[in-house]
Amino acid sequence: MSTKQKTPEIPLPRDWKQHVRSAVPHVISRAQYATVYPCNWAADSTNGRVQLKAELDRVNQGIALLREDMRIKDARMARIDPHQ
C-alpha cells in the first residue's frame, strides 16, 4: 500500500523564477531542521542542566504559542458585535 503525503502549498509570487520558487521550500525545511536538531540533542543529553534548559525552552515556546492564540482569538472576538 502506497501512502503519498501531499506537499503543503506555500503561496509564492507568480513572477518569481522557477529555481527561486523551488528553493524556498528547501530553505524552510533546512531552517526547521536547524531549529529542531539542537533541541532534540539537548533533550537527550546526559547533562541534567542541559535537559532542564531544553525543557524550559520547550515550555516557554508553548507559552508563547498559547499567548499568540489568545491574541488572535481576542482580536477576532473584538470584531464581533456584542449582541451576537
Protein backbone atom coordinates (compact mmCIF):
# COMPACT_ATOMS: atom_id res chain seq x y z
CA MET A 1 0.00 0.00 0.00
CA SER A 2 1.47 3.32 -1.05
CA THR A 3 0.82 6.36 1.08
CA LYS A 4 1.51 9.58 -0.72
CA GLN A 5 1.89 12.56 1.51
CA LYS A 6 0.53 15.75 -0.01
CA THR A 7 3.10 18.51 -0.18
CA PRO A 8 1.90 21.64 1.64
CA GLU A 9 1.18 24.55 -0.65
CA ILE A 10 3.25 27.63 0.09
CA PRO A 11 1.85 30.69 -1.67
CA LEU A 12 4.67 32.35 -3.61
CA PRO A 13 4.59 35.26 -6.06
CA ARG A 14 3.91 34.09 -9.63
CA ASP A 15 6.58 36.32 -11.12
CA TRP A 16 9.42 34.58 -9.22
CA LYS A 17 11.69 32.43 -11.39
CA GLN A 18 11.16 28.66 -11.12
CA HIS A 19 14.53 27.98 -9.44
CA VAL A 20 13.72 30.54 -6.73
CA ARG A 21 10.24 29.08 -6.25
CA SER A 22 11.70 25.57 -5.83
CA ALA A 23 14.43 26.79 -3.45
CA VAL A 24 12.05 28.38 -0.93
CA PRO A 25 10.63 25.09 0.47
CA HIS A 26 14.18 23.74 0.79
CA VAL A 27 15.26 26.80 2.75
CA ILE A 28 12.23 26.48 5.02
CA SER A 29 12.91 22.79 5.69
CA ARG A 30 16.59 23.48 6.45
CA ALA A 31 15.59 26.23 8.88
CA GLN A 32 13.16 23.86 10.63
CA TYR A 33 15.86 21.19 10.88
CA ALA A 34 18.39 23.70 12.23
CA THR A 35 15.89 24.65 14.93
CA VAL A 36 14.75 21.15 15.90
CA TYR A 37 18.07 19.29 15.91
CA PRO A 38 19.73 21.23 18.77
CA CYS A 39 16.55 20.98 20.85
CA ASN A 40 16.44 17.20 20.42
CA TRP A 41 20.15 16.92 21.19
CA ALA A 42 19.70 18.92 24.40
CA ALA A 43 16.66 16.91 25.48
CA ASP A 44 18.62 13.64 25.04
CA SER A 45 21.72 14.94 26.81
CA THR A 46 23.08 13.14 29.86
CA ASN A 47 23.79 16.51 31.47
CA GLY A 48 20.89 17.37 33.78
CA ARG A 49 21.36 21.12 33.36
CA VAL A 50 21.15 20.85 29.58
CA GLN A 51 18.00 18.73 29.87
CA LEU A 52 16.37 21.26 32.21
CA LYS A 53 17.27 24.12 29.88
CA ALA A 54 15.76 22.22 26.93
CA GLU A 55 12.59 21.57 28.93
CA LEU A 56 12.39 25.23 29.94
CA ASP A 57 12.79 26.32 26.32
CA ARG A 58 10.06 23.88 25.23
CA VAL A 59 7.67 25.16 27.90
CA ASN A 60 8.44 28.80 27.07
CA GLN A 61 7.76 28.10 23.39
CA GLY A 62 4.42 26.52 24.32
CA ILE A 63 3.53 29.56 26.41
CA ALA A 64 4.42 31.86 23.51
CA LEU A 65 2.18 29.84 21.18
CA LEU A 66 -0.72 29.99 23.64
CA ARG A 67 -0.30 33.75 24.01
CA GLU A 68 -0.36 34.16 20.24
CA ASP A 69 -3.51 32.01 20.04
CA MET A 70 -5.16 34.17 22.71
CA ARG A 71 -4.12 37.36 20.89
CA ILE A 72 -5.68 36.10 17.66
CA LYS A 73 -8.85 34.98 19.48
CA ASP A 74 -9.17 38.33 21.28
CA ALA A 75 -8.70 40.24 18.03
CA ARG A 76 -11.41 38.17 16.33
CA MET A 77 -13.79 38.49 19.28
CA ALA A 78 -13.32 42.26 19.32
CA ARG A 79 -14.68 42.41 15.77
CA ILE A 80 -17.93 40.59 16.68
CA ASP A 81 -20.94 42.66 17.57
CA PRO A 82 -21.61 42.27 21.36
CA HIS A 83 -25.25 41.36 20.66
CA GLN A 84 -24.18 38.22 18.81
